[in-house]
Each structure stands twice: as structure tokens, then as C-alpha cells.
Amino acid sequence: MSVVVIDVQFSPANNEWSALRDATQAAETAGFGAAWVYDHLAGRSLGGSQNLEAFTLLGALAASTRSIGLGTMVANVASRQPGVLAVAIASVAAIADRRVFLGVGAGTSPAGRWAAEMHTLGHPIEPSVARRHQAVERLLDVVDEMWSEDRGEDWETFPLPRPRPPLIVGVSSDALARLAGRRADGVNIAWNHPRRDELLAVASDAHTLSGRDSDFTLTTWTRWDDALLDVEHPARQTMADLGIGRLVLAELGPVRPDHIANLRPAGGTR
């Protein structure tokens, strides 16, 4: 049975910057583990009328807070060249001067729910699932090279984050879960995913078989519900039994910083 750290995620599609800042500061005061940001380019993807770019927002939050963890959940590897993505999160880590997380995903299909913003921008979307997964692995390759302690001289002036940001892969298929288990530091999956338990097991087994001597964090997310702050909640009990390490509570609507500041998440530490 694991101890579950409780994290937050607030929507930039339905909140101004000042509200996002105040809510994140309130979450830090209340003792939440980390604040995660979405990676979308238009507000309609999250049911809102605006949006803030993920790494710009993350850098601003890094400068506005002191101790709460920060991360992307999840950065679309199709939106940025992998080296740019690695430099972006390393830059956030330098500003934050604490641990940050790089959560990544393979992106949508051309006909997927999230494709509209990409089509509007004329951004190509790879139709092959396998190739979208290859793009995730390519990012992992670049990160390993850029952030290595014994990296080559070509990499010497790229930002080197310390501590190294844990890499969390958002998964919804066996293939991506296996890739995450072999190469990443954890997975993220929606709590209501119909194959949640199977995918968590696939990722965990792949990590064990990889022989890597490192922590592997199982992360899940669900819509905000104050009741889930109670460690005795049945869903929290199930999460602990499954070995979930982090629970991200996502508030998609307007945030109330005063309410968040008065909450007391029961769980592990950051």
C-alpha cells in the first residue's frame, strides 16, 4: 500500500493569470504536493475562451512560488522539437530552483478530440500511432543525452537541470505503457480510464523487467472533488492498494484561492 501525494491542476482556459497564481500559492500554503499545467494552444480544448502557453505559465508559477512542485501534464511531443522541449523544462527548473516534472504525451490523432487547435494552426499531426510513440522515445533519447553527467562537448552549454526532472508519460495503450516502464520515471493515467488497472500493471511490469534501479511513480488524475482529500475515501483506499504515488485533482472551472488555502490534503510529502 502506497502513500498518495495530492497535487493540483488549474485550467488556464477558465482563469486569468492572477487567479492561477493566487490558487497555486494557496495550494502551496495548504500543503499540496505539486501544481501541474495543461499543454493546449487554444482555450476551447478545455472548454474556455482563452489559454496560456504551458511553459510560459510554468515559468511564471516558478517565479511566484517557493516550494510546491511544478510540472506539465502532459506536454504534447508533437508541438515542439524534442530539444526545445527539453530546454524549456530545464529552464523552468533553473527558475524554480527545485524539482520539476516533465509529463509528456504522444499527442492526438488527426481525428482526435484535441486535434482542432492543431488543424487551425496548420500544424501537421502524425496519423500513425506507432510513429507518435516513436516521437516520445525520441524525446527520451534527447533528454538522456542533454542531461547526462558525462554528456559530450556539443551539449556542454545546454541547460543541465539538477535535480533531473522526473519524466512521466501519459498513457492510454499497452505499447506506450511498456515504453514508459522501460524508459521513463512514471506514468499518468485518467482514474476513470476503462483499462486503468491493466495499464498500470503493464507499465510497472515493464519497469521491473528493465532492471533499472530507479523509482517509478504511478500517477493518476481526476476531476476535483474535496471528498478525495480524505485518506479514508474508498477511491483513495483503492489508489493506495494499486500503488498510486500521486493523485492530481483537476479543477477545470473557475478556481477559488480562498477555498484552496483552507484545505488540508491528507497524503504524502512533495
Protein backbone atom coordinates (compact mmCIF):
# COMPACT_ATOMS: atom_id res chain seq x y z
CA MET A 1 0.00 0.00 0.00
CA SER A 2 1.45 3.39 -1.03
CA VAL A 3 1.19 6.88 0.42
CA VAL A 4 -0.55 9.10 -2.14
CA VAL A 5 0.69 12.67 -2.68
CA ILE A 6 -2.14 15.05 -3.61
CA ASP A 7 -1.44 17.51 -6.45
CA VAL A 8 -3.47 20.21 -8.21
CA GLN A 9 -4.14 21.29 -11.78
CA PHE A 10 -5.93 24.52 -12.68
CA SER A 11 -7.31 25.47 -16.08
CA PRO A 12 -5.80 28.47 -17.91
CA ALA A 13 -8.81 28.34 -20.24
CA ASN A 14 -11.19 29.43 -17.48
CA ASN A 15 -8.99 31.53 -15.21
CA GLU A 16 -6.94 34.69 -15.61
CA TRP A 17 -3.24 34.60 -14.75
CA SER A 18 -3.80 36.33 -11.41
CA ALA A 19 -6.29 33.64 -10.34
CA LEU A 20 -3.93 30.85 -11.43
CA ARG A 21 -1.10 32.46 -9.48
CA ASP A 22 -3.18 33.00 -6.36
CA ALA A 23 -4.64 29.49 -6.47
CA THR A 24 -1.20 27.91 -6.86
CA GLN A 25 0.18 29.97 -3.98
CA ALA A 26 -2.82 28.89 -1.90
CA ALA A 27 -2.16 25.24 -2.81
CA GLU A 28 1.45 25.67 -1.72
CA THR A 29 0.35 27.11 1.63
CA ALA A 30 -2.18 24.32 2.12
CA GLY A 31 0.48 21.64 1.57
CA PHE A 32 -0.41 20.19 -1.83
CA GLY A 33 2.46 18.34 -3.49
CA ALA A 34 2.70 19.85 -6.96
CA ALA A 35 0.89 22.09 -9.43
CA TRP A 36 0.60 20.77 -12.98
CA VAL A 37 -0.21 22.77 -16.12
CA TYR A 38 -2.03 21.75 -19.28
CA ASP A 39 -0.39 21.94 -22.69
CA HIS A 40 -3.01 23.30 -25.06
CA LEU A 41 -2.82 26.12 -27.56
CA ALA A 42 -6.44 27.29 -27.55
CA GLY A 43 -8.98 27.68 -24.77
CA ARG A 44 -11.71 25.70 -26.48
CA SER A 45 -9.74 22.50 -25.91
CA LEU A 46 -10.54 22.92 -22.20
CA GLY A 47 -13.97 24.46 -22.65
CA GLY A 48 -12.85 28.07 -22.21
CA SER A 49 -12.33 31.27 -24.14
CA GLN A 50 -8.58 31.80 -23.70
CA ASN A 51 -5.36 29.98 -22.94
CA LEU A 52 -1.79 30.41 -21.71
CA GLU A 53 1.15 28.53 -23.20
CA ALA A 54 2.32 25.78 -20.87
CA PHE A 55 5.99 26.62 -20.31
CA THR A 56 5.40 30.35 -20.15
CA LEU A 57 2.83 29.71 -17.43
CA LEU A 58 5.10 27.24 -15.66
CA GLY A 59 7.97 29.72 -15.59
CA ALA A 60 5.71 32.40 -14.14
CA LEU A 61 4.49 29.99 -11.46
CA ALA A 62 8.09 29.02 -10.71
CA ALA A 63 8.90 32.67 -10.03
CA SER A 64 5.73 33.14 -7.94
CA THR A 65 6.15 30.17 -5.58
CA ARG A 66 8.87 28.73 -3.37
CA SER A 67 8.37 25.07 -2.58
CA ILE A 68 5.46 23.45 -4.39
CA GLY A 69 6.44 21.02 -7.15
CA LEU A 70 5.70 22.05 -10.74
CA GLY A 71 5.12 20.07 -13.90
CA THR A 72 3.43 19.59 -17.26
CA MET A 73 0.54 17.15 -17.51
CA VAL A 74 1.11 16.46 -20.29
CA ALA A 75 3.34 18.25 -22.82
CA ASN A 76 2.49 17.22 -26.37
CA VAL A 77 5.70 15.98 -28.02
CA ALA A 78 4.23 16.88 -31.42
CA SER A 79 4.04 20.59 -30.58
CA ARG A 80 7.77 21.21 -30.09
CA GLN A 81 11.06 19.86 -31.38
CA PRO A 82 12.35 17.48 -28.65
CA GLY A 83 15.43 19.55 -27.87
CA VAL A 84 13.30 22.67 -27.43
CA LEU A 85 11.02 20.77 -25.06
CA ALA A 86 13.99 19.57 -23.00
CA VAL A 87 15.46 23.09 -22.80
CA ALA A 88 12.06 24.51 -21.82
CA ILE A 89 11.62 22.31 -18.76
CA ALA A 90 15.29 22.71 -17.82
CA SER A 91 14.76 26.47 -17.90
CA VAL A 92 11.76 26.16 -15.61
CA ALA A 93 13.87 24.04 -13.24
CA ALA A 94 16.53 26.77 -13.13
CA ILE A 95 13.94 29.44 -12.33
CA ALA A 96 12.18 27.27 -9.74
CA ASP A 97 15.40 26.01 -8.10
CA ARG A 98 13.57 22.86 -7.01
CA ARG A 99 12.29 19.63 -8.51
CA VAL A 100 10.02 19.93 -11.52
CA PHE A 101 8.32 17.17 -13.50
CA LEU A 102 8.22 16.69 -17.26
CA GLY A 103 4.97 14.96 -18.09
CA VAL A 104 4.69 14.16 -21.80
CA GLY A 105 2.21 12.53 -24.13
CA ALA A 106 2.16 11.23 -27.69
CA GLY A 107 -0.48 13.69 -28.84
CA THR A 108 -3.76 13.21 -30.60
CA SER A 109 -4.67 11.58 -33.90
CA PRO A 110 -5.78 13.81 -36.81
CA ALA A 111 -9.40 12.93 -35.99
CA GLY A 112 -8.98 13.08 -32.22
CA ARG A 113 -10.78 15.23 -29.70
CA TRP A 114 -7.83 17.61 -29.26
CA ALA A 115 -6.91 17.98 -32.94
CA ALA A 116 -8.89 21.15 -33.76
CA GLU A 117 -6.34 23.61 -32.38
CA MET A 118 -3.55 21.93 -34.36
CA HIS A 119 -5.59 21.95 -37.57
CA THR A 120 -6.36 25.66 -37.13
CA LEU A 121 -2.64 26.41 -36.91
CA GLY A 122 -1.86 24.18 -39.87
CA HIS A 123 0.33 22.02 -37.64
CA PRO A 124 0.80 18.52 -39.06
CA ILE A 125 -0.45 15.60 -36.98
CA GLU A 126 1.16 12.21 -37.48
CA PRO A 127 -1.61 9.69 -38.33
CA SER A 128 0.42 6.65 -37.26
CA VAL A 129 0.12 5.70 -33.59
CA ALA A 130 3.46 3.90 -33.77
CA ARG A 131 5.21 6.99 -35.09
CA ARG A 132 3.64 9.17 -32.41
CA HIS A 133 5.06 6.74 -29.87
CA GLN A 134 8.43 6.95 -31.62
CA ALA A 135 8.34 10.72 -31.09
CA VAL A 136 8.02 10.13 -27.33
CA GLU A 137 11.01 7.79 -27.43
CA ARG A 138 13.00 10.32 -29.43
CA LEU A 139 12.36 12.88 -26.70
CA LEU A 140 13.61 10.42 -24.10
CA ASP A 141 16.76 9.88 -26.19
CA VAL A 142 17.43 13.62 -26.40
CA VAL A 143 16.83 14.13 -22.68
CA ASP A 144 19.23 11.31 -21.82
CA GLU A 145 21.92 12.89 -23.99
CA MET A 146 21.36 16.51 -22.97
CA TRP A 147 21.06 15.86 -19.23
CA SER A 148 23.79 13.23 -18.87
CA GLU A 149 26.55 13.86 -16.34
CA ASP A 150 29.14 12.81 -18.93
CA ARG A 151 27.50 14.43 -21.96
CA GLY A 152 29.63 15.27 -24.97
CA GLU A 153 31.07 18.70 -25.64
CA ASP A 154 28.35 19.51 -28.17
CA TRP A 155 25.88 19.50 -25.26
CA GLU A 156 28.03 21.41 -22.78
CA THR A 157 26.24 24.76 -22.89
CA PHE A 158 22.68 23.42 -22.88
CA PRO A 159 20.92 23.83 -19.51
CA LEU A 160 21.60 20.92 -17.17
CA PRO A 161 18.80 20.66 -14.58
CA ARG A 162 19.70 19.41 -11.13
CA PRO A 163 17.91 17.56 -9.80
CA ARG A 164 16.93 15.94 -13.07
CA PRO A 165 13.18 16.36 -13.75
CA PRO A 166 11.35 13.03 -13.46
CA LEU A 167 9.80 12.03 -16.78
CA ILE A 168 6.14 10.99 -16.56
CA VAL A 169 4.40 9.60 -19.66
CA GLY A 170 0.67 9.90 -20.12
CA VAL A 171 -0.55 6.53 -21.37
CA SER A 172 -3.70 5.01 -22.81
CA SER A 173 -2.27 1.96 -24.59
CA ASP A 174 -0.17 -1.07 -23.75
CA ALA A 175 2.59 -0.02 -26.15
CA LEU A 176 3.07 3.40 -24.57
CA ALA A 177 2.78 1.94 -21.06
CA ARG A 178 5.59 -0.51 -21.88
CA LEU A 179 7.73 2.30 -23.32
CA ALA A 180 7.19 4.36 -20.17
CA GLY A 181 8.11 1.42 -17.97
CA ARG A 182 11.33 0.82 -19.90
CA ARG A 183 12.49 4.40 -20.25
CA ALA A 184 10.63 6.89 -18.05
CA ASP A 185 10.21 7.59 -14.33
CA GLY A 186 6.47 7.06 -14.16
CA VAL A 187 3.11 7.04 -15.92
CA ASN A 188 -0.03 9.11 -15.73
CA ILE A 189 -3.48 7.74 -16.48
CA ALA A 190 -7.02 9.01 -16.01
CA TRP A 191 -8.65 7.48 -12.93
CA ASN A 192 -11.79 6.70 -14.94
CA HIS A 193 -9.91 5.01 -17.81
CA PRO A 194 -11.65 1.67 -18.50
CA ARG A 195 -8.30 -0.19 -18.59
CA ARG A 196 -6.64 1.74 -15.78
CA ASP A 197 -5.54 -1.19 -13.66
CA GLU A 198 -4.24 -3.16 -16.66
CA LEU A 199 -2.20 -0.24 -17.99
CA LEU A 200 -0.70 0.47 -14.58
CA ALA A 201 0.31 -3.17 -14.32
CA VAL A 202 1.80 -3.19 -17.83
CA ALA A 203 3.93 -0.13 -17.04
CA SER A 204 5.03 -1.46 -13.65
CA ASP A 205 5.97 -4.86 -15.10
CA ALA A 206 7.94 -3.22 -17.91
CA HIS A 207 9.85 -1.14 -15.38
CA THR A 208 10.67 -4.24 -13.33
CA LEU A 209 11.83 -6.13 -16.42
CA SER A 210 14.00 -3.19 -17.50
CA GLY A 211 16.22 -3.78 -14.48
CA ARG A 212 16.60 -0.05 -13.90
CA ASP A 213 17.41 0.82 -10.31
CA SER A 214 15.14 3.87 -10.02
CA ASP A 215 11.81 4.90 -8.60
CA PHE A 216 8.78 4.51 -10.85
CA THR A 217 5.78 6.63 -9.91
CA LEU A 218 2.20 5.71 -10.78
CA THR A 219 0.21 8.92 -11.21
CA THR A 220 -3.50 9.36 -11.83
CA TRP A 221 -5.76 12.35 -12.34
CA THR A 222 -9.45 13.02 -11.85
CA ARG A 223 -11.85 15.94 -11.65
CA TRP A 224 -11.64 17.98 -8.47
CA ASP A 225 -13.61 16.63 -5.52
CA ASP A 226 -12.91 17.82 -1.96
CA ALA A 227 -14.00 14.42 -0.69
CA LEU A 228 -10.87 12.87 -2.25
CA LEU A 229 -8.72 14.78 0.23
CA ASP A 230 -9.88 12.30 2.86
CA VAL A 231 -7.46 9.39 3.10
CA GLU A 232 -10.39 7.17 4.14
CA HIS A 233 -12.30 7.83 0.90
CA PRO A 234 -12.91 4.49 -0.89
CA ALA A 235 -11.21 5.73 -4.07
CA ARG A 236 -8.17 6.81 -2.05
CA GLN A 237 -8.03 3.37 -0.49
CA THR A 238 -8.11 1.79 -3.96
CA MET A 239 -5.36 4.13 -5.14
CA ALA A 240 -3.17 3.17 -2.23
CA ASP A 241 -3.77 -0.52 -2.90
CA LEU A 242 -2.79 -0.06 -6.57
CA GLY A 243 0.44 1.66 -5.60
CA ILE A 244 -0.58 5.09 -6.89
CA GLY A 245 2.04 7.62 -5.81
CA ARG A 246 0.42 10.87 -6.91
CA LEU A 247 -3.19 11.97 -7.39
CA VAL A 248 -3.74 15.09 -9.50
CA LEU A 249 -7.03 16.87 -8.75
CA ALA A 250 -8.00 18.85 -11.84
CA GLU A 251 -10.23 21.92 -11.48
CA LEU A 252 -11.45 22.78 -14.98
CA GLY A 253 -13.65 25.67 -13.91
CA PRO A 254 -13.00 28.92 -12.04
CA VAL A 255 -10.71 28.49 -9.05
CA ARG A 256 -11.29 29.81 -5.52
CA PRO A 257 -7.92 30.52 -3.91
CA ASP A 258 -9.53 31.25 -0.52
CA HIS A 259 -11.18 27.83 -0.51
CA ILE A 260 -8.00 26.04 -1.57
CA ALA A 261 -5.95 27.76 1.15
CA ASN A 262 -8.24 26.26 3.81
CA LEU A 263 -7.96 22.68 2.57
CA ARG A 264 -5.67 20.14 4.17
CA PRO A 265 -4.67 17.37 1.77
CA ALA A 266 -4.04 14.09 3.55
CA GLY A 267 -1.23 12.22 1.89
CA GLY A 268 2.48 12.08 1.38
CA THR A 269 5.00 14.88 1.09
CA ARG A 270 6.22 16.62 -2.03
